[in-house]
Protein backbone atom coordinates (compact mmCIF):
# COMPACT_ATOMS: atom_id res chain seq x y z
CA MET A 1 14.42 -11.76 -15.98
CA ASN A 2 13.76 -9.72 -12.84
CA LYS A 3 10.49 -7.85 -12.59
CA PRO A 4 10.96 -4.11 -13.08
CA ARG A 5 10.08 -2.08 -9.99
CA ILE A 6 7.99 0.96 -10.90
CA PHE A 7 6.45 3.90 -9.08
CA VAL A 8 3.60 5.72 -10.82
CA SER A 9 3.44 9.32 -9.66
CA HIS A 10 -0.16 10.43 -9.43
CA SER A 11 -2.91 12.36 -7.75
CA TRP A 12 -5.99 10.49 -6.59
CA LYS A 13 -8.11 13.26 -8.05
CA TYR A 14 -7.28 11.97 -11.52
CA ASP A 15 -7.57 8.38 -12.73
CA ASP A 16 -4.41 8.27 -14.85
CA TYR A 17 -2.78 6.03 -12.23
CA ASP A 18 -5.41 3.32 -12.68
CA LYS A 19 -5.21 3.63 -16.47
CA ILE A 20 -1.42 3.18 -16.49
CA VAL A 21 -1.41 0.25 -14.06
CA ASN A 22 -4.28 -1.45 -15.90
CA LEU A 23 -2.60 -0.87 -19.25
CA LEU A 24 0.65 -2.48 -18.06
CA GLY A 25 -1.12 -5.20 -16.09
CA GLY A 26 -3.18 -6.17 -19.12
CA ARG A 27 -0.09 -7.40 -20.98
CA SER A 28 0.69 -11.04 -20.26
CA TYR A 29 4.26 -10.66 -21.51
CA PHE A 30 5.15 -7.90 -19.05
CA ASP A 31 5.36 -8.57 -15.33
CA PHE A 32 6.29 -5.79 -12.93
CA GLN A 33 6.28 -4.80 -9.28
CA GLU A 34 4.51 -1.57 -8.45
CA SER A 35 5.08 0.54 -5.34
CA SER A 36 2.73 3.50 -5.71
CA VAL A 37 0.03 4.54 -3.27
CA PRO A 38 -3.39 3.79 -4.78
CA SER A 39 -6.49 5.28 -3.18
CA SER A 40 -7.58 1.73 -2.30
CA ASP A 41 -4.57 1.41 0.02
CA PRO A 42 -3.78 4.89 1.38
CA LEU A 43 -0.95 5.69 3.76
CA SER A 44 -1.81 7.01 7.20
CA GLY A 45 -0.02 8.97 9.88
CA SER A 46 1.50 12.39 10.11
CA ASN A 47 2.58 14.26 7.01
CA LYS A 48 6.20 13.33 7.79
CA VAL A 49 5.34 9.63 8.16
CA VAL A 50 3.42 9.62 4.87
CA TRP A 51 6.20 11.41 2.95
CA ASP A 52 8.90 9.20 4.47
CA SER A 53 6.93 6.19 3.22
CA ILE A 54 6.49 7.67 -0.25
CA GLU A 55 10.19 8.49 -0.43
CA ASN A 56 11.05 4.91 0.57
CA LYS A 57 8.79 3.62 -2.20
CA ILE A 58 10.60 5.87 -4.70
CA ARG A 59 14.01 4.74 -3.40
CA TRP A 60 12.96 1.08 -3.90
CA CYS A 61 11.74 1.52 -7.46
CA GLN A 62 13.93 1.39 -10.54
CA VAL A 63 11.89 3.83 -12.64
CA VAL A 64 9.26 6.49 -11.99
CA ILE A 65 6.36 7.01 -14.36
CA LEU A 66 4.82 10.47 -14.67
CA THR A 67 1.46 10.85 -16.36
CA ALA A 68 2.18 14.08 -18.17
CA GLY A 69 -1.24 15.67 -18.44
CA VAL A 70 -1.25 19.34 -17.53
CA HIS A 71 -2.95 18.56 -14.18
CA ALA A 72 0.36 17.19 -12.88
CA SER A 73 1.77 20.73 -12.92
CA TYR A 74 -0.80 21.77 -10.33
CA SER A 75 -0.32 18.87 -7.94
CA GLY A 76 2.11 19.63 -5.15
CA SER A 77 2.44 15.96 -4.30
CA ILE A 78 3.31 14.92 -7.87
CA LYS A 79 5.87 17.72 -8.10
CA ARG A 80 7.43 16.65 -4.82
CA GLU A 81 7.59 13.00 -5.90
CA ILE A 82 9.18 13.88 -9.25
CA GLU A 83 11.71 16.26 -7.70
CA PHE A 84 12.66 13.62 -5.13
CA ALA A 85 13.04 10.93 -7.81
CA ASP A 86 15.17 13.33 -9.85
CA SER A 87 17.39 14.06 -6.82
CA LEU A 88 18.07 10.31 -6.57
CA GLY A 89 18.88 10.05 -10.26
CA LYS A 90 15.91 7.77 -10.92
CA PRO A 91 14.89 7.53 -14.57
CA ILE A 92 11.57 9.32 -15.09
CA ILE A 93 9.32 8.26 -17.95
CA ALA A 94 6.72 10.87 -18.86
CA VAL A 95 3.64 9.35 -20.51
CA VAL A 96 1.62 11.80 -22.58
CA PRO A 97 -2.11 10.95 -22.61
CA ARG A 98 -3.80 10.61 -26.00
CA GLY A 99 -5.20 13.81 -27.42
CA VAL A 100 -3.34 16.06 -24.99
CA GLU A 101 -2.01 19.23 -26.57
CA ARG A 102 -0.46 20.74 -23.43
CA THR A 103 1.66 18.69 -21.08
CA SER A 104 2.86 19.22 -17.55
CA SER A 105 5.85 21.44 -16.90
CA LEU A 106 7.22 18.43 -14.99
CA VAL A 107 8.04 16.81 -18.36
CA GLY A 108 11.30 18.77 -18.09
CA TYR A 109 12.41 16.21 -15.48
CA ALA A 110 11.77 13.29 -17.82
CA THR A 111 14.53 10.99 -18.93
CA GLU A 112 12.23 9.97 -21.78
CA VAL A 113 8.81 11.08 -23.03
CA VAL A 114 6.56 8.43 -24.59
CA GLY A 115 3.06 8.24 -25.99
CA TRP A 116 0.13 6.55 -24.30
CA SER A 117 0.64 3.05 -25.65
CA THR A 118 1.60 -0.13 -23.89
CA GLU A 119 4.49 -0.82 -26.25
CA SER A 120 5.99 2.65 -25.76
CA ILE A 121 5.73 2.50 -21.98
CA VAL A 122 7.00 -1.08 -21.66
CA GLY A 123 9.87 -0.34 -24.05
CA ALA A 124 10.94 2.66 -21.98
CA ILE A 125 10.70 0.73 -18.71
CA ARG A 126 12.87 -2.03 -20.15
CA ARG A 127 15.47 0.47 -21.34
CA TYR A 128 15.98 1.74 -17.80
CA CYS A 129 15.56 -1.43 -15.74
C-alpha cells in the first residue's frame, strides 16, 4: 500500500500540528508522508517564494488536515492554505480537539469532520487516499 501524503494546516503559535503528527506517527500500523512546514524547518525567502512553496506542498499531498480549534479562524495563513486546498478539490479533514465547544469557521470547507482520536483520523485519511 502506498503511504498517504498529508499536509497538516497549522499556525506555529499553536501546538496542534505537533500533536497531530505525533498522534499519527505513534501508530506502528500507519505509515504516511507529511509535507507541512514545521517550525523546526521553516521556509525562507520572500512572501511569494514561501507561499509558492506551501502551495506546491498542498498540490503534492492527497489530503489536508485542519485542526479545527477556534484559533484557526483567526489565522490568515491557515485560511489561505485551506482555501487553496479547497480550490484544488483536495479532501479536507477537520479534526476537532477534545473538549472544544466552538470550532473554526473553516470547518465549512471540510470534506469530513472527525474527533481527536487516532482511529478517526487514520480512518478518514484512508477513505480519501
